[in-house]
Amino acid sequence: MEDLVAGHDGAHTAELHIRAIQSCVLLESFIRMRRNGPKELYKLKQTFIQSKQSSLFGHVFHPTPKSRQGFPEWRQEMYAPESKDNFQLHCFAVKRTIVQQQSE
């Protein structure tokens, strides 16, 4: 952890430590929540939402892959794909030039 914050002031170091701890706690809860479903986690053919829901460990090069800094704790399970909950997305802003669409 110290290597990641080398050359930064104490505020950044404290923030990174908080995010790393939060990420570990959430990672543990997601693993515990989904421990009985390894087959669905590793299916070769998945929809977009299934692949998001199966990403329990996050991105391997991200120091805090599961941190939810600033997101209310009481809403984390409701909106976390790892918990297999879902919600209707009403608005998503993106440049039209980078949109690719496909439906089955």
N, C-alpha and C. Protein backbone atom coordinates (compact mmCIF):
# COMPACT_ATOMS: atom_id res chain seq x y z
N MET A 1 0.83 -1.19 0.00
CA MET A 1 0.00 0.00 0.00
C MET A 1 0.87 1.25 0.00
N GLU A 2 1.95 1.23 0.77
CA GLU A 2 2.81 2.40 0.85
C GLU A 2 3.40 2.77 -0.51
N ASP A 3 3.68 1.76 -1.35
CA ASP A 3 4.21 2.03 -2.69
C ASP A 3 3.21 2.81 -3.53
N LEU A 4 1.92 2.55 -3.33
CA LEU A 4 0.90 3.23 -4.11
C LEU A 4 0.77 4.71 -3.74
N VAL A 5 1.07 5.05 -2.49
CA VAL A 5 0.87 6.42 -2.04
C VAL A 5 2.18 7.18 -1.87
N ALA A 6 3.30 6.57 -2.26
CA ALA A 6 4.60 7.23 -2.13
C ALA A 6 4.58 8.56 -2.89
N GLY A 7 5.05 9.61 -2.23
CA GLY A 7 5.09 10.92 -2.88
C GLY A 7 3.81 11.72 -2.77
N HIS A 8 2.80 11.17 -2.11
CA HIS A 8 1.54 11.89 -1.92
C HIS A 8 1.40 12.32 -0.47
N ASP A 9 0.58 13.32 -0.23
CA ASP A 9 0.41 13.78 1.15
C ASP A 9 -0.47 12.83 1.96
N GLY A 10 -0.58 13.06 3.23
CA GLY A 10 -1.30 12.19 4.15
C GLY A 10 -2.77 12.01 3.84
N ALA A 11 -3.42 13.05 3.28
CA ALA A 11 -4.85 12.95 2.96
C ALA A 11 -5.09 11.87 1.92
N HIS A 12 -4.26 11.81 0.91
CA HIS A 12 -4.41 10.79 -0.11
C HIS A 12 -4.15 9.40 0.46
N THR A 13 -3.17 9.30 1.35
CA THR A 13 -2.85 8.03 1.97
C THR A 13 -4.03 7.52 2.80
N ALA A 14 -4.61 8.39 3.60
CA ALA A 14 -5.76 8.00 4.42
C ALA A 14 -6.94 7.59 3.56
N GLU A 15 -7.19 8.33 2.49
CA GLU A 15 -8.30 8.00 1.58
C GLU A 15 -8.09 6.63 0.95
N LEU A 16 -6.87 6.34 0.50
CA LEU A 16 -6.59 5.05 -0.11
C LEU A 16 -6.75 3.92 0.89
N HIS A 17 -6.30 4.13 2.12
CA HIS A 17 -6.48 3.10 3.15
C HIS A 17 -7.96 2.82 3.41
N ILE A 18 -8.76 3.87 3.50
CA ILE A 18 -10.20 3.71 3.72
C ILE A 18 -10.83 2.92 2.57
N ARG A 19 -10.48 3.28 1.35
CA ARG A 19 -11.04 2.58 0.18
C ARG A 19 -10.58 1.13 0.12
N ALA A 20 -9.33 0.87 0.48
CA ALA A 20 -8.82 -0.51 0.46
C ALA A 20 -9.55 -1.37 1.50
N ILE A 21 -9.76 -0.82 2.68
CA ILE A 21 -10.48 -1.56 3.72
C ILE A 21 -11.92 -1.82 3.29
N GLN A 22 -12.58 -0.79 2.78
CA GLN A 22 -13.96 -0.94 2.31
C GLN A 22 -14.04 -1.97 1.19
N SER A 23 -13.09 -1.95 0.29
CA SER A 23 -13.06 -2.89 -0.82
C SER A 23 -12.93 -4.33 -0.30
N CYS A 24 -12.05 -4.55 0.66
CA CYS A 24 -11.87 -5.89 1.24
C CYS A 24 -13.12 -6.38 1.95
N VAL A 25 -13.76 -5.50 2.70
CA VAL A 25 -14.98 -5.87 3.42
C VAL A 25 -16.09 -6.24 2.43
N LEU A 26 -16.28 -5.43 1.39
CA LEU A 26 -17.30 -5.71 0.39
C LEU A 26 -16.98 -6.97 -0.40
N LEU A 27 -15.71 -7.16 -0.75
CA LEU A 27 -15.30 -8.36 -1.47
C LEU A 27 -15.62 -9.61 -0.65
N GLU A 28 -15.32 -9.56 0.64
CA GLU A 28 -15.65 -10.70 1.51
C GLU A 28 -17.16 -10.96 1.55
N SER A 29 -17.95 -9.91 1.63
CA SER A 29 -19.41 -10.10 1.69
C SER A 29 -19.95 -10.65 0.37
N PHE A 30 -19.42 -10.18 -0.77
CA PHE A 30 -19.88 -10.70 -2.06
C PHE A 30 -19.51 -12.17 -2.23
N ILE A 31 -18.31 -12.54 -1.80
CA ILE A 31 -17.89 -13.94 -1.90
C ILE A 31 -18.77 -14.82 -1.02
N ARG A 32 -19.03 -14.36 0.19
CA ARG A 32 -19.90 -15.12 1.10
C ARG A 32 -21.31 -15.25 0.52
N MET A 33 -21.83 -14.16 -0.04
CA MET A 33 -23.18 -14.14 -0.60
C MET A 33 -23.31 -15.09 -1.79
N ARG A 34 -22.26 -15.23 -2.58
CA ARG A 34 -22.34 -15.99 -3.83
C ARG A 34 -21.57 -17.31 -3.78
N ARG A 35 -21.17 -17.77 -2.61
CA ARG A 35 -20.32 -18.97 -2.50
C ARG A 35 -20.98 -20.23 -3.03
N ASN A 36 -22.29 -20.28 -3.12
CA ASN A 36 -22.97 -21.49 -3.61
C ASN A 36 -23.26 -21.45 -5.11
N GLY A 37 -22.74 -20.47 -5.81
CA GLY A 37 -23.06 -20.36 -7.23
C GLY A 37 -21.86 -20.30 -8.15
N PRO A 38 -20.81 -21.10 -7.94
CA PRO A 38 -19.63 -20.97 -8.81
C PRO A 38 -19.89 -21.31 -10.27
N LYS A 39 -20.83 -22.20 -10.56
CA LYS A 39 -21.08 -22.56 -11.96
C LYS A 39 -21.58 -21.34 -12.75
N GLU A 40 -22.47 -20.57 -12.16
CA GLU A 40 -23.00 -19.40 -12.86
C GLU A 40 -21.95 -18.29 -12.98
N LEU A 41 -20.98 -18.28 -12.08
CA LEU A 41 -19.94 -17.26 -12.13
C LEU A 41 -18.97 -17.47 -13.29
N TYR A 42 -18.79 -18.73 -13.69
CA TYR A 42 -17.77 -19.04 -14.68
C TYR A 42 -18.32 -19.59 -15.99
N LYS A 43 -19.59 -19.32 -16.27
CA LYS A 43 -20.16 -19.75 -17.55
C LYS A 43 -19.42 -19.03 -18.69
N LEU A 44 -19.18 -19.77 -19.77
CA LEU A 44 -18.49 -19.17 -20.91
C LEU A 44 -19.35 -18.17 -21.66
N LYS A 45 -20.63 -18.48 -21.78
CA LYS A 45 -21.53 -17.60 -22.50
C LYS A 45 -22.43 -16.88 -21.49
N GLN A 46 -22.28 -15.55 -21.43
CA GLN A 46 -23.05 -14.76 -20.47
C GLN A 46 -23.58 -13.50 -21.15
N THR A 47 -24.70 -13.02 -20.63
CA THR A 47 -25.20 -11.73 -21.08
C THR A 47 -24.35 -10.65 -20.40
N PHE A 48 -24.55 -9.41 -20.80
CA PHE A 48 -23.80 -8.31 -20.18
C PHE A 48 -24.05 -8.27 -18.68
N ILE A 49 -25.32 -8.32 -18.28
CA ILE A 49 -25.63 -8.23 -16.84
C ILE A 49 -25.08 -9.44 -16.08
N GLN A 50 -25.12 -10.63 -16.67
CA GLN A 50 -24.54 -11.80 -16.01
C GLN A 50 -23.03 -11.63 -15.81
N SER A 51 -22.36 -11.07 -16.80
CA SER A 51 -20.92 -10.87 -16.65
C SER A 51 -20.61 -9.83 -15.58
N LYS A 52 -21.41 -8.78 -15.49
CA LYS A 52 -21.23 -7.78 -14.43
C LYS A 52 -21.50 -8.40 -13.06
N GLN A 53 -22.53 -9.23 -12.98
CA GLN A 53 -22.88 -9.86 -11.70
C GLN A 53 -21.86 -10.91 -11.27
N SER A 54 -21.09 -11.44 -12.21
CA SER A 54 -20.12 -12.48 -11.86
C SER A 54 -18.73 -11.93 -11.58
N SER A 55 -18.55 -10.64 -11.69
CA SER A 55 -17.24 -10.04 -11.44
C SER A 55 -17.06 -9.76 -9.95
N LEU A 56 -16.91 -10.82 -9.17
CA LEU A 56 -16.82 -10.66 -7.72
C LEU A 56 -15.50 -10.04 -7.27
N PHE A 57 -14.43 -10.29 -7.99
CA PHE A 57 -13.12 -9.85 -7.54
C PHE A 57 -12.69 -8.52 -8.12
N GLY A 58 -13.41 -8.01 -9.09
CA GLY A 58 -13.07 -6.73 -9.67
C GLY A 58 -11.92 -6.82 -10.64
N HIS A 59 -11.33 -5.68 -10.91
CA HIS A 59 -10.24 -5.59 -11.87
C HIS A 59 -8.92 -5.86 -11.15
N VAL A 60 -8.12 -6.76 -11.68
CA VAL A 60 -6.92 -7.23 -10.98
C VAL A 60 -5.88 -6.14 -10.73
N PHE A 61 -5.84 -5.10 -11.54
CA PHE A 61 -4.83 -4.06 -11.35
C PHE A 61 -5.36 -2.83 -10.62
N HIS A 62 -6.56 -2.91 -10.12
CA HIS A 62 -7.15 -1.79 -9.38
C HIS A 62 -6.88 -2.01 -7.90
N PRO A 63 -6.29 -1.02 -7.20
CA PRO A 63 -5.97 -1.22 -5.78
C PRO A 63 -7.19 -1.33 -4.87
N THR A 64 -8.34 -0.80 -5.30
CA THR A 64 -9.55 -0.87 -4.48
C THR A 64 -10.74 -1.21 -5.37
N PRO A 65 -10.77 -2.43 -5.93
CA PRO A 65 -11.77 -2.75 -6.95
C PRO A 65 -13.22 -2.74 -6.49
N LYS A 66 -13.46 -2.87 -5.22
CA LYS A 66 -14.85 -2.92 -4.76
C LYS A 66 -15.22 -1.78 -3.82
N SER A 67 -14.39 -0.75 -3.76
CA SER A 67 -14.74 0.36 -2.88
C SER A 67 -15.97 1.08 -3.42
N ARG A 68 -16.76 1.61 -2.53
CA ARG A 68 -17.97 2.33 -2.90
C ARG A 68 -17.99 3.68 -2.17
N GLN A 69 -16.87 4.36 -2.19
CA GLN A 69 -16.72 5.62 -1.47
C GLN A 69 -17.81 6.60 -1.88
N GLY A 70 -18.50 7.15 -0.90
CA GLY A 70 -19.54 8.13 -1.16
C GLY A 70 -20.90 7.55 -1.48
N PHE A 71 -21.00 6.24 -1.57
CA PHE A 71 -22.27 5.59 -1.87
C PHE A 71 -22.86 5.11 -0.56
N PRO A 72 -24.11 5.45 -0.24
CA PRO A 72 -24.68 5.07 1.06
C PRO A 72 -24.64 3.55 1.29
N GLU A 73 -24.17 3.15 2.45
CA GLU A 73 -24.03 1.72 2.75
C GLU A 73 -25.35 0.98 2.64
N TRP A 74 -26.44 1.61 3.03
CA TRP A 74 -27.75 0.93 3.00
C TRP A 74 -28.24 0.68 1.58
N ARG A 75 -27.62 1.31 0.58
CA ARG A 75 -28.02 1.10 -0.82
C ARG A 75 -27.05 0.21 -1.60
N GLN A 76 -25.93 -0.14 -1.00
CA GLN A 76 -24.91 -0.86 -1.73
C GLN A 76 -25.38 -2.21 -2.25
N GLU A 77 -26.06 -2.97 -1.43
CA GLU A 77 -26.52 -4.29 -1.89
C GLU A 77 -27.57 -4.16 -2.99
N MET A 78 -28.41 -3.14 -2.89
CA MET A 78 -29.48 -2.94 -3.86
C MET A 78 -28.93 -2.63 -5.26
N TYR A 79 -27.83 -1.89 -5.33
CA TYR A 79 -27.30 -1.45 -6.62
C TYR A 79 -26.03 -2.17 -7.05
N ALA A 80 -25.48 -3.03 -6.22
CA ALA A 80 -24.25 -3.74 -6.57
C ALA A 80 -24.58 -4.92 -7.48
N PRO A 81 -23.99 -4.99 -8.66
CA PRO A 81 -24.27 -6.13 -9.55
C PRO A 81 -23.88 -7.46 -8.91
N GLU A 82 -22.86 -7.43 -8.06
CA GLU A 82 -22.39 -8.67 -7.43
C GLU A 82 -23.44 -9.31 -6.54
N SER A 83 -24.40 -8.53 -6.04
CA SER A 83 -25.44 -9.07 -5.18
C SER A 83 -26.61 -9.65 -5.98
N LYS A 84 -26.51 -9.58 -7.30
CA LYS A 84 -27.51 -10.10 -8.24
C LYS A 84 -28.84 -9.38 -8.17
N ASP A 85 -28.88 -8.23 -7.54
CA ASP A 85 -30.09 -7.43 -7.60
C ASP A 85 -30.08 -6.71 -8.94
N ASN A 86 -31.17 -6.10 -9.30
CA ASN A 86 -31.18 -5.34 -10.54
C ASN A 86 -32.13 -4.17 -10.40
N PHE A 87 -31.92 -3.19 -11.23
CA PHE A 87 -32.77 -2.00 -11.24
C PHE A 87 -32.82 -1.48 -12.66
N GLN A 88 -33.85 -0.77 -12.99
CA GLN A 88 -34.03 -0.23 -14.33
C GLN A 88 -33.19 1.03 -14.49
N LEU A 89 -32.33 1.03 -15.49
CA LEU A 89 -31.54 2.21 -15.81
C LEU A 89 -32.41 3.14 -16.64
N HIS A 90 -32.57 4.37 -16.18
CA HIS A 90 -33.44 5.32 -16.88
C HIS A 90 -32.68 6.29 -17.76
N CYS A 91 -31.45 6.56 -17.43
CA CYS A 91 -30.69 7.54 -18.18
C CYS A 91 -29.23 7.15 -18.17
N PHE A 92 -28.59 7.29 -19.31
CA PHE A 92 -27.17 6.98 -19.42
C PHE A 92 -26.60 7.93 -20.47
N ALA A 93 -25.65 8.76 -20.08
CA ALA A 93 -25.08 9.75 -20.99
C ALA A 93 -23.83 9.20 -21.66
N VAL A 94 -23.81 9.25 -22.98
CA VAL A 94 -22.65 8.79 -23.74
C VAL A 94 -22.69 9.45 -25.13
N LYS A 95 -21.52 9.67 -25.71
CA LYS A 95 -21.47 10.22 -27.07
C LYS A 95 -22.05 9.22 -28.06
N ARG A 96 -22.89 9.68 -28.95
CA ARG A 96 -23.50 8.79 -29.95
C ARG A 96 -22.45 8.11 -30.82
N THR A 97 -21.32 8.75 -31.04
CA THR A 97 -20.30 8.20 -31.93
C THR A 97 -19.63 6.93 -31.38
N ILE A 98 -19.77 6.68 -30.08
CA ILE A 98 -19.13 5.48 -29.52
C ILE A 98 -20.14 4.41 -29.12
N VAL A 99 -21.41 4.61 -29.43
CA VAL A 99 -22.45 3.64 -29.08
C VAL A 99 -22.52 2.51 -30.11
N GLN A 100 -22.52 1.29 -29.61
CA GLN A 100 -22.79 0.12 -30.44
C GLN A 100 -23.94 -0.62 -29.78
N GLN A 101 -24.94 -1.00 -30.57
CA GLN A 101 -26.10 -1.65 -30.00
C GLN A 101 -26.31 -3.04 -30.60
N GLN A 102 -26.85 -3.91 -29.77
CA GLN A 102 -27.21 -5.25 -30.24
C GLN A 102 -28.28 -5.77 -29.28
N SER A 103 -29.26 -6.44 -29.82
CA SER A 103 -30.26 -7.08 -28.97
C SER A 103 -30.53 -8.46 -29.51
N GLU A 104 -30.97 -9.33 -28.61
CA GLU A 104 -31.24 -10.73 -29.01
C GLU A 104 -32.71 -10.98 -29.07
